[in-house]
C-alpha cells in the first residue's frame, strides 16, 4: 500500500481540544470533480474528536521536497514501541525536536495501536507479515506521520481501553488534541491511511532542509 495512491479525505482538529493554537491548512489540491462531500457529524463543541472530513483534502506541504522514512510493522503488541523507536531515531537525524517531536511520538504510538486494535479486526488469517506501514514525511516547516493498515473500517474516535491496550489506545482523540491537522484516506490498493500533521518552527533542520 502506497500512501500517495489514496482517495484523499481529511479532517481538521477540533480547536477547543488542541494543546497548541490552531493554524490554517490549505489542501494539497482541490476536491476531485464530482467528489461527494461527506456530511459533518454532530458532536458536542467540547469533544476532542475531529468532525467528519471533506473529500479531496490532504495535508499541504510547504515548499520543497520532503524527507521520507518508512517502516513496515508486524501485527504484534511490540509494534507501537518499535514505531516510537524508529520515529525517535528519524526525527533526531532530521533535527526535529521539542514539542513537535514529542507530539509526533505520541501520535505514532496511538496510530499504530489503533491500527492493531481496529485496522486488522475481522481480516482473514493468516495476516501478511507486515500489514502496518509507518511513513514519516519531513516537509520544510511541517512533519506528517502516516500509518496504513489493510482494514476498511472508517476511523472513529472511541474511548480508550487501558486493559486491552496498555501501550495506548486513545487514538483519534489524541490526534485531535496534539496535531495541527489530521485525517484519513482510503487507499486505491485497499485499506486506509491515517495521518497527523505538525507544524515545525523555522529553526529546525527539517524546516531548513
N, C-alpha and C. Protein backbone atom coordinates (compact mmCIF):
# COMPACT_ATOMS: atom_id res chain seq x y z
N UNK A 1 0.84 -1.19 0.00
CA UNK A 1 0.00 0.00 0.00
C UNK A 1 0.88 1.24 0.00
N UNK A 2 0.60 2.16 -0.90
CA UNK A 2 1.37 3.39 -1.01
C UNK A 2 0.47 4.56 -0.62
N UNK A 3 0.96 5.42 0.25
CA UNK A 3 0.13 6.48 0.80
C UNK A 3 -0.39 7.41 -0.28
N UNK A 4 0.44 7.74 -1.29
CA UNK A 4 0.01 8.73 -2.26
C UNK A 4 -0.92 8.14 -3.33
N UNK A 5 -1.38 6.90 -3.14
CA UNK A 5 -2.40 6.34 -4.01
C UNK A 5 -3.80 6.57 -3.43
N UNK A 6 -3.90 7.37 -2.38
CA UNK A 6 -5.15 7.50 -1.65
C UNK A 6 -6.17 8.36 -2.37
N UNK A 7 -7.45 8.03 -2.15
CA UNK A 7 -8.54 8.95 -2.43
C UNK A 7 -8.66 9.79 -1.17
N UNK A 8 -8.30 11.07 -1.25
CA UNK A 8 -7.99 11.84 -0.06
C UNK A 8 -9.24 12.30 0.70
N UNK A 9 -9.24 12.05 1.99
CA UNK A 9 -10.29 12.52 2.88
C UNK A 9 -9.61 13.02 4.13
N UNK A 10 -9.87 14.27 4.53
CA UNK A 10 -9.17 14.86 5.67
C UNK A 10 -10.14 15.43 6.67
N UNK A 11 -9.67 15.61 7.91
CA UNK A 11 -10.49 16.21 8.96
C UNK A 11 -9.64 17.14 9.78
N UNK A 12 -10.13 18.38 10.04
CA UNK A 12 -9.36 19.30 10.87
C UNK A 12 -9.48 18.94 12.34
N UNK A 13 -8.45 19.24 13.11
CA UNK A 13 -8.50 19.01 14.55
C UNK A 13 -9.45 20.00 15.20
N UNK A 14 -10.10 19.56 16.27
CA UNK A 14 -11.04 20.43 16.97
C UNK A 14 -10.28 21.49 17.73
N UNK A 15 -10.54 22.79 17.48
CA UNK A 15 -9.76 23.85 18.12
C UNK A 15 -9.85 23.83 19.63
N UNK A 16 -11.00 23.45 20.20
CA UNK A 16 -11.17 23.51 21.64
C UNK A 16 -10.31 22.50 22.37
N UNK A 17 -9.82 21.47 21.66
CA UNK A 17 -9.08 20.41 22.33
C UNK A 17 -7.59 20.50 22.13
N UNK A 18 -7.10 21.40 21.29
CA UNK A 18 -5.70 21.43 20.94
C UNK A 18 -4.84 22.02 22.03
N UNK A 19 -3.64 21.45 22.19
CA UNK A 19 -2.67 21.99 23.11
C UNK A 19 -2.08 23.27 22.56
N UNK A 20 -1.89 23.35 21.23
CA UNK A 20 -1.26 24.49 20.59
C UNK A 20 -2.31 25.28 19.81
N UNK A 21 -2.07 26.57 19.53
CA UNK A 21 -3.03 27.35 18.75
C UNK A 21 -3.25 26.75 17.38
N UNK A 22 -4.50 26.79 16.92
CA UNK A 22 -4.85 26.24 15.60
C UNK A 22 -4.28 27.11 14.50
N UNK A 23 -3.71 26.48 13.47
CA UNK A 23 -3.19 27.21 12.33
C UNK A 23 -3.89 26.73 11.07
N UNK A 24 -3.98 27.60 10.08
CA UNK A 24 -4.71 27.28 8.85
C UNK A 24 -3.92 26.30 7.99
N UNK A 25 -4.62 25.33 7.40
CA UNK A 25 -4.00 24.38 6.49
C UNK A 25 -4.81 24.35 5.20
N UNK A 26 -4.14 24.58 4.10
CA UNK A 26 -4.80 24.53 2.79
C UNK A 26 -4.62 23.14 2.19
N UNK A 27 -5.52 22.71 1.30
CA UNK A 27 -5.38 21.40 0.68
C UNK A 27 -4.23 21.37 -0.31
N UNK A 28 -3.65 20.18 -0.46
CA UNK A 28 -2.62 19.97 -1.46
C UNK A 28 -3.17 20.24 -2.85
N UNK A 29 -4.41 19.87 -3.06
CA UNK A 29 -5.07 20.04 -4.35
C UNK A 29 -6.55 20.16 -4.09
N UNK A 30 -7.34 20.74 -5.00
CA UNK A 30 -8.77 20.91 -4.78
C UNK A 30 -9.49 19.58 -4.85
N UNK A 31 -10.74 19.51 -4.35
CA UNK A 31 -11.50 18.28 -4.45
C UNK A 31 -11.64 17.83 -5.89
N UNK A 32 -11.67 16.51 -6.07
CA UNK A 32 -11.82 15.96 -7.41
C UNK A 32 -13.18 16.33 -7.97
N UNK A 33 -13.30 16.57 -9.28
CA UNK A 33 -14.60 16.88 -9.88
C UNK A 33 -15.60 15.76 -9.60
N UNK A 34 -16.76 16.14 -9.11
CA UNK A 34 -17.80 15.17 -8.84
C UNK A 34 -17.65 14.44 -7.54
N UNK A 35 -16.61 14.76 -6.76
CA UNK A 35 -16.41 14.07 -5.49
C UNK A 35 -17.53 14.42 -4.53
N UNK A 36 -17.97 13.44 -3.76
CA UNK A 36 -19.05 13.66 -2.80
C UNK A 36 -18.45 14.13 -1.48
N UNK A 37 -19.00 15.18 -0.92
CA UNK A 37 -18.55 15.69 0.36
C UNK A 37 -19.33 15.00 1.47
N UNK A 38 -18.66 14.28 2.38
CA UNK A 38 -19.37 13.61 3.46
C UNK A 38 -20.06 14.62 4.37
N UNK A 39 -21.17 14.18 4.97
CA UNK A 39 -21.85 15.07 5.91
C UNK A 39 -21.03 15.19 7.17
N UNK A 40 -21.15 16.34 7.84
CA UNK A 40 -20.40 16.57 9.07
C UNK A 40 -21.13 15.95 10.24
N UNK A 41 -20.40 15.20 11.04
CA UNK A 41 -21.00 14.56 12.21
C UNK A 41 -21.36 15.61 13.25
N UNK A 42 -22.46 15.39 13.96
CA UNK A 42 -22.87 16.32 15.01
C UNK A 42 -22.23 15.89 16.31
N UNK A 43 -21.30 16.69 16.83
CA UNK A 43 -20.61 16.37 18.06
C UNK A 43 -20.72 17.56 19.01
N UNK A 44 -20.58 17.27 20.29
CA UNK A 44 -20.59 18.34 21.28
C UNK A 44 -19.40 19.24 21.05
N UNK A 45 -19.57 20.58 21.22
CA UNK A 45 -18.46 21.51 20.98
C UNK A 45 -17.23 21.19 21.79
N UNK A 46 -17.39 20.57 22.98
CA UNK A 46 -16.25 20.30 23.83
C UNK A 46 -15.55 18.99 23.49
N UNK A 47 -16.09 18.23 22.53
CA UNK A 47 -15.50 16.95 22.18
C UNK A 47 -14.12 17.14 21.58
N UNK A 48 -13.11 16.34 22.04
CA UNK A 48 -11.77 16.46 21.48
C UNK A 48 -11.63 15.78 20.13
N UNK A 49 -12.68 15.07 19.69
CA UNK A 49 -12.61 14.40 18.41
C UNK A 49 -12.84 15.38 17.28
N UNK A 50 -12.28 15.07 16.12
CA UNK A 50 -12.47 15.92 14.95
C UNK A 50 -13.80 15.58 14.29
N UNK A 51 -14.35 16.55 13.58
CA UNK A 51 -15.57 16.31 12.83
C UNK A 51 -15.23 15.51 11.57
N UNK A 52 -16.28 15.07 10.86
CA UNK A 52 -16.05 14.31 9.64
C UNK A 52 -15.27 15.13 8.62
N UNK A 53 -14.50 14.44 7.78
CA UNK A 53 -13.63 15.13 6.84
C UNK A 53 -14.33 15.52 5.56
N UNK A 54 -13.57 16.18 4.69
CA UNK A 54 -14.06 16.61 3.39
C UNK A 54 -13.28 15.88 2.31
N UNK A 55 -13.98 15.45 1.26
CA UNK A 55 -13.31 14.73 0.18
C UNK A 55 -12.31 15.62 -0.54
N UNK A 56 -11.16 15.06 -0.93
CA UNK A 56 -10.20 15.79 -1.74
C UNK A 56 -9.18 16.59 -0.97
N UNK A 57 -9.07 16.43 0.35
CA UNK A 57 -8.10 17.17 1.13
C UNK A 57 -6.99 16.25 1.66
N UNK A 58 -5.80 16.82 1.75
CA UNK A 58 -4.61 16.08 2.20
C UNK A 58 -3.69 17.12 2.81
N UNK A 59 -2.86 16.82 3.77
CA UNK A 59 -2.06 17.89 4.39
C UNK A 59 -1.15 18.56 3.38
N UNK A 60 -1.27 19.87 3.24
CA UNK A 60 -0.50 20.60 2.23
C UNK A 60 0.93 20.82 2.71
N UNK A 61 1.92 20.36 1.97
CA UNK A 61 3.30 20.60 2.38
C UNK A 61 3.73 22.03 2.11
N UNK A 62 4.73 22.48 2.84
CA UNK A 62 5.37 23.74 2.49
C UNK A 62 6.22 23.51 1.24
N UNK A 63 6.79 24.58 0.71
CA UNK A 63 7.61 24.44 -0.49
C UNK A 63 8.82 23.56 -0.20
N UNK A 64 9.22 22.77 -1.17
CA UNK A 64 10.40 21.93 -1.02
C UNK A 64 10.07 20.46 -1.09
N UNK A 65 11.08 19.64 -1.27
CA UNK A 65 10.93 18.19 -1.36
C UNK A 65 11.05 17.59 0.04
N UNK A 66 10.09 16.78 0.47
CA UNK A 66 10.16 16.24 1.83
C UNK A 66 11.18 15.12 1.96
N UNK A 67 11.72 14.99 3.15
CA UNK A 67 12.45 13.79 3.51
C UNK A 67 11.42 12.70 3.80
N UNK A 68 11.78 11.46 3.53
CA UNK A 68 10.84 10.36 3.71
C UNK A 68 11.50 9.21 4.44
N UNK A 69 10.77 8.61 5.37
CA UNK A 69 11.24 7.42 6.07
C UNK A 69 10.05 6.48 6.24
N UNK A 70 10.28 5.19 6.00
CA UNK A 70 9.20 4.20 6.07
C UNK A 70 9.64 3.03 6.95
N UNK A 71 8.65 2.45 7.63
CA UNK A 71 8.90 1.26 8.43
C UNK A 71 7.69 0.34 8.31
N UNK A 72 7.92 -0.91 7.93
CA UNK A 72 6.87 -1.93 7.89
C UNK A 72 6.83 -2.62 9.24
N UNK A 73 5.62 -2.75 9.79
CA UNK A 73 5.46 -3.26 11.15
C UNK A 73 4.60 -4.52 11.15
N UNK A 74 4.94 -5.48 12.01
CA UNK A 74 4.14 -6.70 12.11
C UNK A 74 2.90 -6.49 12.98
N UNK A 75 2.01 -7.44 12.94
CA UNK A 75 0.80 -7.38 13.77
C UNK A 75 1.13 -7.95 15.15
N UNK A 76 1.98 -7.24 15.87
CA UNK A 76 2.46 -7.68 17.18
C UNK A 76 2.28 -6.57 18.21
N UNK A 77 2.08 -6.93 19.49
CA UNK A 77 1.93 -5.91 20.54
C UNK A 77 3.15 -5.01 20.69
N UNK A 78 4.30 -5.47 20.22
CA UNK A 78 5.53 -4.67 20.34
C UNK A 78 5.65 -3.60 19.25
N UNK A 79 4.74 -3.58 18.28
CA UNK A 79 4.87 -2.65 17.16
C UNK A 79 4.80 -1.17 17.56
N UNK A 80 3.94 -0.77 18.52
CA UNK A 80 3.98 0.64 18.93
C UNK A 80 5.34 1.07 19.46
N UNK A 81 5.96 0.21 20.26
CA UNK A 81 7.29 0.52 20.79
C UNK A 81 8.31 0.61 19.66
N UNK A 82 8.25 -0.33 18.71
CA UNK A 82 9.16 -0.30 17.56
C UNK A 82 8.95 0.96 16.73
N UNK A 83 7.69 1.34 16.55
CA UNK A 83 7.38 2.55 15.77
C UNK A 83 7.91 3.80 16.46
N UNK A 84 7.79 3.87 17.78
CA UNK A 84 8.31 5.02 18.51
C UNK A 84 9.83 5.12 18.38
N UNK A 85 10.51 3.98 18.51
CA UNK A 85 11.97 3.98 18.41
C UNK A 85 12.42 4.43 17.02
N UNK A 86 11.73 3.94 15.98
CA UNK A 86 12.07 4.34 14.62
C UNK A 86 11.82 5.82 14.41
N UNK A 87 10.70 6.31 14.91
CA UNK A 87 10.37 7.73 14.76
C UNK A 87 11.36 8.60 15.52
N UNK A 88 11.69 8.21 16.74
CA UNK A 88 12.63 8.99 17.55
C UNK A 88 13.98 9.11 16.85
N UNK A 89 14.48 7.99 16.32
CA UNK A 89 15.77 8.00 15.63
C UNK A 89 15.71 8.84 14.36
N UNK A 90 14.60 8.74 13.62
CA UNK A 90 14.47 9.51 12.38
C UNK A 90 14.40 11.00 12.66
N UNK A 91 13.61 11.39 13.64
CA UNK A 91 13.48 12.82 13.94
C UNK A 91 14.79 13.39 14.48
N UNK A 92 15.53 12.59 15.23
CA UNK A 92 16.84 13.05 15.69
C UNK A 92 17.75 13.30 14.50
N UNK A 93 17.73 12.38 13.53
CA UNK A 93 18.55 12.54 12.32
C UNK A 93 18.13 13.78 11.53
N UNK A 94 16.83 14.06 11.51
CA UNK A 94 16.32 15.22 10.78
C UNK A 94 16.46 16.53 11.55
N UNK A 95 16.86 16.46 12.80
CA UNK A 95 16.99 17.66 13.61
C UNK A 95 15.68 18.21 14.11
N UNK A 96 14.67 17.35 14.22
CA UNK A 96 13.36 17.76 14.73
C UNK A 96 13.29 17.39 16.21
N UNK A 97 13.06 18.38 17.07
CA UNK A 97 12.98 18.11 18.50
C UNK A 97 11.90 18.98 19.13
N UNK A 98 11.90 19.05 20.43
CA UNK A 98 10.94 19.90 21.12
C UNK A 98 9.52 19.34 21.09
N UNK A 99 8.54 20.24 21.18
CA UNK A 99 7.14 19.84 21.29
C UNK A 99 6.66 19.07 20.07
N UNK A 100 7.10 19.47 18.88
CA UNK A 100 6.66 18.78 17.66
C UNK A 100 7.10 17.32 17.68
N UNK A 101 8.35 17.06 18.10
CA UNK A 101 8.85 15.70 18.17
C UNK A 101 8.11 14.90 19.23
N UNK A 102 7.90 15.51 20.40
CA UNK A 102 7.18 14.81 21.47
C UNK A 102 5.77 14.45 21.03
N UNK A 103 5.08 15.40 20.42
CA UNK A 103 3.71 15.15 19.98
C UNK A 103 3.67 14.09 18.87
N UNK A 104 4.64 14.13 17.97
CA UNK A 104 4.69 13.15 16.89
C UNK A 104 4.90 11.75 17.43
N UNK A 105 5.74 11.60 18.45
CA UNK A 105 5.98 10.29 19.04
C UNK A 105 4.70 9.72 19.66
N UNK A 106 3.96 10.57 20.35
CA UNK A 106 2.69 10.12 20.92
C UNK A 106 1.71 9.74 19.81
N UNK A 107 1.65 10.56 18.77
CA UNK A 107 0.73 10.30 17.66
C UNK A 107 1.06 8.98 16.97
N UNK A 108 2.34 8.73 16.73
CA UNK A 108 2.76 7.48 16.09
C UNK A 108 2.34 6.28 16.94
N UNK A 109 2.58 6.37 18.24
CA UNK A 109 2.20 5.27 19.13
C UNK A 109 0.71 5.01 19.08
N UNK A 110 -0.08 6.07 19.11
CA UNK A 110 -1.53 5.92 19.10
C UNK A 110 -2.03 5.41 17.76
N UNK A 111 -1.46 5.89 16.66
CA UNK A 111 -1.89 5.44 15.34
C UNK A 111 -1.60 3.96 15.13
N UNK A 112 -0.42 3.52 15.54
CA UNK A 112 -0.07 2.10 15.38
C UNK A 112 -0.94 1.24 16.29
N UNK A 113 -1.17 1.69 17.51
CA UNK A 113 -2.06 0.96 18.42
C UNK A 113 -3.46 0.87 17.83
N UNK A 114 -3.93 1.96 17.25
CA UNK A 114 -5.25 1.97 16.63
C UNK A 114 -5.33 1.00 15.46
N UNK A 115 -4.25 0.96 14.66
CA UNK A 115 -4.22 0.03 13.54
C UNK A 115 -4.27 -1.42 14.02
N UNK A 116 -3.54 -1.72 15.10
CA UNK A 116 -3.55 -3.07 15.66
C UNK A 116 -4.92 -3.43 16.20
N UNK A 117 -5.55 -2.50 16.90
CA UNK A 117 -6.84 -2.76 17.54
C UNK A 117 -7.98 -2.86 16.55
N UNK A 118 -8.01 -1.94 15.60
CA UNK A 118 -9.19 -1.79 14.75
C UNK A 118 -8.92 -2.06 13.27
N UNK A 119 -7.73 -1.69 12.78
CA UNK A 119 -7.44 -1.84 11.36
C UNK A 119 -7.33 -3.27 10.90
N UNK A 120 -6.98 -4.18 11.82
CA UNK A 120 -6.80 -5.59 11.46
C UNK A 120 -7.98 -6.44 11.89
N UNK A 121 -8.96 -5.83 12.54
CA UNK A 121 -10.09 -6.60 13.06
C UNK A 121 -10.94 -7.16 11.92
N UNK A 122 -11.26 -8.44 12.02
CA UNK A 122 -12.13 -9.07 11.05
C UNK A 122 -11.46 -9.49 9.76
N UNK A 123 -10.15 -9.27 9.62
CA UNK A 123 -9.46 -9.66 8.40
C UNK A 123 -9.14 -11.15 8.42
N UNK A 124 -9.13 -11.80 7.25
CA UNK A 124 -8.83 -13.24 7.22
C UNK A 124 -7.41 -13.52 7.68
N UNK A 125 -7.25 -14.63 8.39
CA UNK A 125 -5.95 -15.08 8.84
C UNK A 125 -5.45 -16.18 7.93
N UNK A 126 -4.13 -16.33 7.81
CA UNK A 126 -3.09 -15.53 8.46
C UNK A 126 -2.94 -14.16 7.80
N UNK A 127 -2.54 -13.17 8.61
CA UNK A 127 -2.29 -11.83 8.10
C UNK A 127 -0.96 -11.78 7.37
N UNK A 128 -0.76 -10.80 6.49
CA UNK A 128 0.56 -10.62 5.87
C UNK A 128 1.63 -10.39 6.94
N UNK A 129 2.88 -10.62 6.58
CA UNK A 129 3.98 -10.50 7.54
C UNK A 129 4.08 -9.08 8.10
N UNK A 130 3.84 -8.08 7.28
CA UNK A 130 3.93 -6.69 7.72
C UNK A 130 2.71 -5.90 7.29
N UNK A 131 1.56 -6.07 7.97
CA UNK A 131 0.32 -5.43 7.49
C UNK A 131 0.22 -3.94 7.78
N UNK A 132 1.09 -3.41 8.63
CA UNK A 132 1.02 -2.00 9.01
C UNK A 132 2.27 -1.28 8.51
N UNK A 133 2.10 -0.10 7.95
CA UNK A 133 3.22 0.69 7.47
C UNK A 133 3.21 2.07 8.12
N UNK A 134 4.37 2.49 8.60
CA UNK A 134 4.56 3.83 9.15
C UNK A 134 5.35 4.64 8.14
N UNK A 135 4.86 5.82 7.80
CA UNK A 135 5.53 6.71 6.86
C UNK A 135 5.71 8.07 7.53
N UNK A 136 6.94 8.59 7.52
CA UNK A 136 7.25 9.91 8.04
C UNK A 136 7.65 10.81 6.89
N UNK A 137 7.05 11.98 6.80
CA UNK A 137 7.37 12.96 5.76
C UNK A 137 7.85 14.24 6.43
N UNK A 138 9.10 14.59 6.18
CA UNK A 138 9.68 15.80 6.75
C UNK A 138 9.67 16.93 5.74
N UNK A 139 8.54 17.61 5.61
CA UNK A 139 8.46 18.79 4.75
C UNK A 139 9.15 19.97 5.43
N UNK A 140 9.63 20.93 4.68
CA UNK A 140 10.04 22.19 5.29
C UNK A 140 8.85 22.80 6.04
N UNK A 141 9.03 23.05 7.32
CA UNK A 141 8.02 23.66 8.18
C UNK A 141 6.86 22.74 8.52
N UNK A 142 6.91 21.45 8.13
CA UNK A 142 5.83 20.55 8.51
C UNK A 142 6.31 19.11 8.57
N UNK A 143 5.85 18.41 9.60
CA UNK A 143 6.09 16.98 9.75
C UNK A 143 4.76 16.27 9.64
N UNK A 144 4.71 15.23 8.80
CA UNK A 144 3.49 14.44 8.64
C UNK A 144 3.81 12.99 8.99
N UNK A 145 3.04 12.41 9.89
CA UNK A 145 3.17 10.99 10.22
C UNK A 145 1.93 10.28 9.71
N UNK A 146 2.13 9.15 9.05
CA UNK A 146 1.03 8.40 8.45
C UNK A 146 1.19 6.93 8.79
N UNK A 147 0.08 6.29 9.14
CA UNK A 147 0.07 4.85 9.38
C UNK A 147 -1.00 4.23 8.49
N UNK A 148 -0.62 3.19 7.75
CA UNK A 148 -1.57 2.49 6.89
C UNK A 148 -1.86 1.11 7.45
N UNK A 149 -3.06 0.63 7.18
CA UNK A 149 -3.44 -0.73 7.54
C UNK A 149 -4.40 -1.25 6.47
N UNK A 150 -4.60 -2.57 6.38
CA UNK A 150 -5.45 -3.13 5.33
C UNK A 150 -6.93 -3.10 5.64
N UNK A 151 -7.33 -2.54 6.77
CA UNK A 151 -8.74 -2.54 7.16
C UNK A 151 -9.56 -1.51 6.40
N UNK A 152 -10.85 -1.77 6.29
CA UNK A 152 -11.77 -0.87 5.58
C UNK A 152 -12.62 -0.04 6.54
N UNK A 153 -12.46 -0.23 7.84
CA UNK A 153 -13.28 0.49 8.82
C UNK A 153 -12.99 1.99 8.77
N UNK A 154 -14.04 2.79 8.83
CA UNK A 154 -13.87 4.24 8.90
C UNK A 154 -13.35 4.62 10.28
N UNK A 155 -12.27 5.40 10.36
CA UNK A 155 -11.75 5.80 11.67
C UNK A 155 -12.77 6.61 12.45
N UNK A 156 -13.05 6.19 13.67
CA UNK A 156 -13.99 6.90 14.54
C UNK A 156 -13.39 6.99 15.94
N UNK A 157 -13.39 8.17 16.56
CA UNK A 157 -12.88 8.30 17.92
C UNK A 157 -13.71 7.47 18.89
N UNK A 158 -13.05 6.70 19.77
CA UNK A 158 -13.73 5.90 20.78
C UNK A 158 -12.99 6.05 22.10
N UNK A 159 -13.63 5.66 23.17
CA UNK A 159 -12.99 5.71 24.48
C UNK A 159 -11.87 4.69 24.54
N UNK A 160 -10.75 4.99 25.22
CA UNK A 160 -9.62 4.07 25.31
C UNK A 160 -9.94 2.87 26.19
N UNK A 161 -9.24 1.77 25.97
CA UNK A 161 -9.35 0.57 26.78
C UNK A 161 -7.97 0.25 27.34
N UNK A 162 -7.64 0.72 28.56
CA UNK A 162 -6.30 0.52 29.11
C UNK A 162 -5.97 -0.93 29.38
N UNK A 163 -7.00 -1.78 29.53
CA UNK A 163 -6.75 -3.20 29.79
C UNK A 163 -6.27 -3.89 28.52
N UNK A 164 -6.97 -3.62 27.39
CA UNK A 164 -6.58 -4.23 26.12
C UNK A 164 -5.33 -3.62 25.54
N UNK A 165 -5.13 -2.32 25.76
CA UNK A 165 -4.03 -1.62 25.10
C UNK A 165 -3.27 -0.74 26.08
N UNK A 166 -2.41 -1.35 26.92
CA UNK A 166 -1.62 -0.54 27.84
C UNK A 166 -0.65 0.39 27.12
N UNK A 167 -0.32 0.09 25.85
CA UNK A 167 0.60 0.92 25.07
C UNK A 167 -0.06 2.22 24.62
N UNK A 168 -1.37 2.28 24.62
CA UNK A 168 -2.05 3.48 24.13
C UNK A 168 -3.53 3.18 23.98
N UNK A 169 -4.11 3.57 22.84
CA UNK A 169 -5.50 3.28 22.58
C UNK A 169 -6.39 4.49 22.58
N UNK A 170 -5.82 5.67 22.84
CA UNK A 170 -6.62 6.89 22.81
C UNK A 170 -6.82 7.38 21.39
N UNK A 171 -5.95 6.92 20.49
CA UNK A 171 -6.13 7.08 19.06
C UNK A 171 -6.47 8.46 18.56
N UNK A 172 -7.64 8.56 17.92
CA UNK A 172 -8.03 9.79 17.24
C UNK A 172 -8.31 10.93 18.21
N UNK A 173 -8.65 10.62 19.45
CA UNK A 173 -8.83 11.68 20.45
C UNK A 173 -7.51 12.41 20.67
N UNK A 174 -6.43 11.66 20.69
CA UNK A 174 -5.11 12.26 20.88
C UNK A 174 -4.71 13.06 19.65
N UNK A 175 -4.96 12.52 18.46
CA UNK A 175 -4.61 13.25 17.23
C UNK A 175 -5.29 14.61 17.20
N UNK A 176 -6.56 14.65 17.57
CA UNK A 176 -7.28 15.91 17.57
C UNK A 176 -6.73 16.91 18.56
N UNK A 177 -6.11 16.42 19.64
CA UNK A 177 -5.60 17.30 20.67
C UNK A 177 -4.18 17.78 20.39
N UNK A 178 -3.37 16.95 19.73
CA UNK A 178 -1.94 17.26 19.58
C UNK A 178 -1.55 17.82 18.22
N UNK A 179 -2.24 17.41 17.17
CA UNK A 179 -1.78 17.75 15.83
C UNK A 179 -2.35 19.08 15.36
N UNK A 180 -1.72 19.64 14.31
CA UNK A 180 -2.24 20.83 13.67
C UNK A 180 -3.33 20.48 12.66
N UNK A 181 -3.35 19.26 12.20
CA UNK A 181 -4.40 18.74 11.33
C UNK A 181 -4.26 17.23 11.31
N UNK A 182 -5.37 16.54 11.08
CA UNK A 182 -5.30 15.10 10.93
C UNK A 182 -6.39 14.67 9.96
N UNK A 183 -6.25 13.46 9.44
CA UNK A 183 -7.24 12.97 8.51
C UNK A 183 -7.02 11.52 8.17
N UNK A 184 -7.84 11.01 7.31
CA UNK A 184 -7.68 9.63 6.86
C UNK A 184 -8.05 9.54 5.39
N UNK A 185 -7.53 8.52 4.73
CA UNK A 185 -7.77 8.38 3.29
C UNK A 185 -7.83 6.91 2.92
N UNK A 186 -8.88 6.47 2.21
CA UNK A 186 -8.89 5.11 1.67
C UNK A 186 -7.83 4.97 0.60
N UNK A 187 -7.16 3.83 0.56
CA UNK A 187 -6.09 3.60 -0.40
C UNK A 187 -6.61 2.86 -1.62
N UNK A 188 -6.09 3.21 -2.78
CA UNK A 188 -6.51 2.57 -4.03
C UNK A 188 -6.21 1.08 -4.02
N UNK A 189 -5.19 0.67 -3.26
CA UNK A 189 -4.81 -0.73 -3.19
C UNK A 189 -5.55 -1.48 -2.09
N UNK A 190 -6.48 -0.81 -1.41
CA UNK A 190 -7.22 -1.42 -0.31
C UNK A 190 -6.68 -0.94 1.03
N UNK A 191 -7.56 -0.88 2.01
CA UNK A 191 -7.16 -0.38 3.31
C UNK A 191 -7.23 1.13 3.37
N UNK A 192 -6.50 1.70 4.32
CA UNK A 192 -6.59 3.15 4.54
C UNK A 192 -5.29 3.67 5.13
N UNK A 193 -5.14 4.98 5.07
CA UNK A 193 -4.04 5.69 5.72
C UNK A 193 -4.64 6.72 6.66
N UNK A 194 -4.10 6.80 7.87
CA UNK A 194 -4.49 7.82 8.84
C UNK A 194 -3.25 8.66 9.12
N UNK A 195 -3.39 9.99 9.04
CA UNK A 195 -2.22 10.86 9.16
C UNK A 195 -2.45 11.97 10.17
N UNK A 196 -1.34 12.51 10.64
CA UNK A 196 -1.37 13.70 11.51
C UNK A 196 -0.24 14.62 11.08
N UNK A 197 -0.52 15.92 11.02
CA UNK A 197 0.47 16.91 10.58
C UNK A 197 0.83 17.84 11.73
N UNK A 198 2.12 18.17 11.82
CA UNK A 198 2.64 19.03 12.87
C UNK A 198 3.48 20.13 12.24
N UNK A 199 3.14 21.37 12.52
CA UNK A 199 3.95 22.48 12.02
C UNK A 199 5.28 22.53 12.77
N UNK A 200 6.35 22.87 12.05
CA UNK A 200 7.69 22.91 12.63
C UNK A 200 8.15 24.36 12.77
N UNK A 201 8.91 24.66 13.81
CA UNK A 201 9.47 26.01 13.94
C UNK A 201 10.49 26.28 12.86
N UNK A 202 10.68 27.54 12.53
CA UNK A 202 11.57 27.92 11.43
C UNK A 202 13.00 27.48 11.66
N UNK A 203 13.42 27.30 12.91
CA UNK A 203 14.81 26.97 13.18
C UNK A 203 15.17 25.51 13.10
N UNK A 204 14.20 24.61 12.88
CA UNK A 204 14.50 23.19 12.86
C UNK A 204 15.23 22.81 11.59
N UNK A 205 16.02 21.72 11.66
CA UNK A 205 16.80 21.28 10.50
C UNK A 205 15.89 20.87 9.36
N UNK A 206 14.77 20.19 9.68
CA UNK A 206 13.85 19.77 8.63
C UNK A 206 13.23 20.97 7.95
N UNK A 207 13.03 22.05 8.72
CA UNK A 207 12.42 23.25 8.15
C UNK A 207 13.36 23.95 7.19
N UNK A 208 14.66 23.77 7.38
CA UNK A 208 15.61 24.45 6.52
C UNK A 208 16.23 23.54 5.48
N UNK A 209 15.81 22.26 5.47
CA UNK A 209 16.38 21.30 4.51
C UNK A 209 15.89 21.59 3.11
